[in-house]
Amino acid sequence: MRDRSGAGTSECAACSWLFLDLSRSRSRRWCSMATCGNRAKAQRHYHAIKATP
């Protein structure tokens, strides 16, 4: 996978793995919801709870 120009490949920001984004809108953000997606959602929830007075 040398050429990533518009081929639907993306890099996961959490783990730097490449994954093939076959979603209609090409908006997938994680390589796997079970690992990186869960981690990102848990972190977002933690910060939301912490920011609530």
C-alpha atoms as a PDB file:
ATOM      1  CA  MET A   1       0.000   0.000   0.000  1.00  0.00           C
ATOM      2  CA  ARG A   2       2.351   2.663  -1.134  1.00  0.00           C
ATOM      3  CA  ASP A   3      -0.127   4.997  -2.804  1.00  0.00           C
ATOM      4  CA  ARG A   4      -2.900   6.126  -0.442  1.00  0.00           C
ATOM      5  CA  SER A   5      -4.352   8.809  -2.728  1.00  0.00           C
ATOM      6  CA  GLY A   6      -8.106   8.396  -2.597  1.00  0.00           C
ATOM      7  CA  ALA A   7      -8.019   4.621  -2.337  1.00  0.00           C
ATOM      8  CA  GLY A   8     -10.118   4.704   0.831  1.00  0.00           C
ATOM      9  CA  THR A   9      -7.213   4.075   3.159  1.00  0.00           C
ATOM     10  CA  SER A  10      -6.847   5.969   6.401  1.00  0.00           C
ATOM     11  CA  GLU A  11      -4.499   5.995   9.332  1.00  0.00           C
ATOM     12  CA  CYS A  12      -5.866   5.486  12.827  1.00  0.00           C
ATOM     13  CA  ALA A  13      -4.785   8.417  14.999  1.00  0.00           C
ATOM     14  CA  ALA A  14      -4.701   6.274  18.126  1.00  0.00           C
ATOM     15  CA  CYS A  15      -2.453   3.445  16.967  1.00  0.00           C
ATOM     16  CA  SER A  16      -1.141   4.542  13.523  1.00  0.00           C
ATOM     17  CA  TRP A  17      -2.464   1.407  11.798  1.00  0.00           C
ATOM     18  CA  LEU A  18      -3.692   1.741   8.244  1.00  0.00           C
ATOM     19  CA  PHE A  19      -7.208   0.561   7.505  1.00  0.00           C
ATOM     20  CA  LEU A  20      -9.460   0.433   4.485  1.00  0.00           C
ATOM     21  CA  ASP A  21     -12.399   2.817   4.864  1.00  0.00           C
ATOM     22  CA  LEU A  22     -15.284   1.356   2.870  1.00  0.00           C
ATOM     23  CA  SER A  23     -17.942   3.564   4.441  1.00  0.00           C
ATOM     24  CA  ARG A  24     -20.074   5.601   2.067  1.00  0.00           C
ATOM     25  CA  SER A  25     -18.881   8.964   3.398  1.00  0.00           C
ATOM     26  CA  ARG A  26     -15.242   7.909   3.973  1.00  0.00           C
ATOM     27  CA  SER A  27     -15.564   9.182   7.554  1.00  0.00           C
ATOM     28  CA  ARG A  28     -14.340   6.182   9.546  1.00  0.00           C
ATOM     29  CA  ARG A  29     -11.905   7.292  12.259  1.00  0.00           C
ATOM     30  CA  TRP A  30     -10.682   4.108  13.928  1.00  0.00           C
ATOM     31  CA  CYS A  31      -9.140   0.861  12.796  1.00  0.00           C
ATOM     32  CA  SER A  32     -11.403  -1.109  15.144  1.00  0.00           C
ATOM     33  CA  MET A  33     -14.285  -0.030  17.347  1.00  0.00           C
ATOM     34  CA  ALA A  34     -13.351  -2.747  19.835  1.00  0.00           C
ATOM     35  CA  THR A  35      -9.924  -1.272  20.556  1.00  0.00           C
ATOM     36  CA  CYS A  36      -9.254   2.276  19.396  1.00  0.00           C
ATOM     37  CA  GLY A  37     -12.887   3.374  19.121  1.00  0.00           C
ATOM     38  CA  ASN A  38     -13.683   2.234  22.635  1.00  0.00           C
ATOM     39  CA  ARG A  39     -10.587   3.969  23.981  1.00  0.00           C
ATOM     40  CA  ALA A  40     -11.510   7.258  22.273  1.00  0.00           C
ATOM     41  CA  LYS A  41     -15.123   7.141  23.452  1.00  0.00           C
ATOM     42  CA  ALA A  42     -14.086   6.351  27.028  1.00  0.00           C
ATOM     43  CA  GLN A  43     -11.625   9.249  27.020  1.00  0.00           C
ATOM     44  CA  ARG A  44     -14.270  11.630  25.642  1.00  0.00           C
ATOM     45  CA  HIS A  45     -16.732  10.487  28.336  1.00  0.00           C
ATOM     46  CA  TYR A  46     -14.125  10.938  31.081  1.00  0.00           C
ATOM     47  CA  HIS A  47     -13.417  14.520  30.022  1.00  0.00           C
ATOM     48  CA  ALA A  48     -17.129  15.318  29.716  1.00  0.00           C
ATOM     49  CA  ILE A  49     -17.800  14.075  33.260  1.00  0.00           C
ATOM     50  CA  LYS A  50     -14.736  15.880  34.614  1.00  0.00           C
ATOM     51  CA  ALA A  51     -15.822  19.193  33.011  1.00  0.00           C
ATOM     52  CA  THR A  52     -19.332  19.024  34.488  1.00  0.00           C
ATOM     53  CA  PRO A  53     -19.527  21.157  37.656  1.00  0.00           C
END
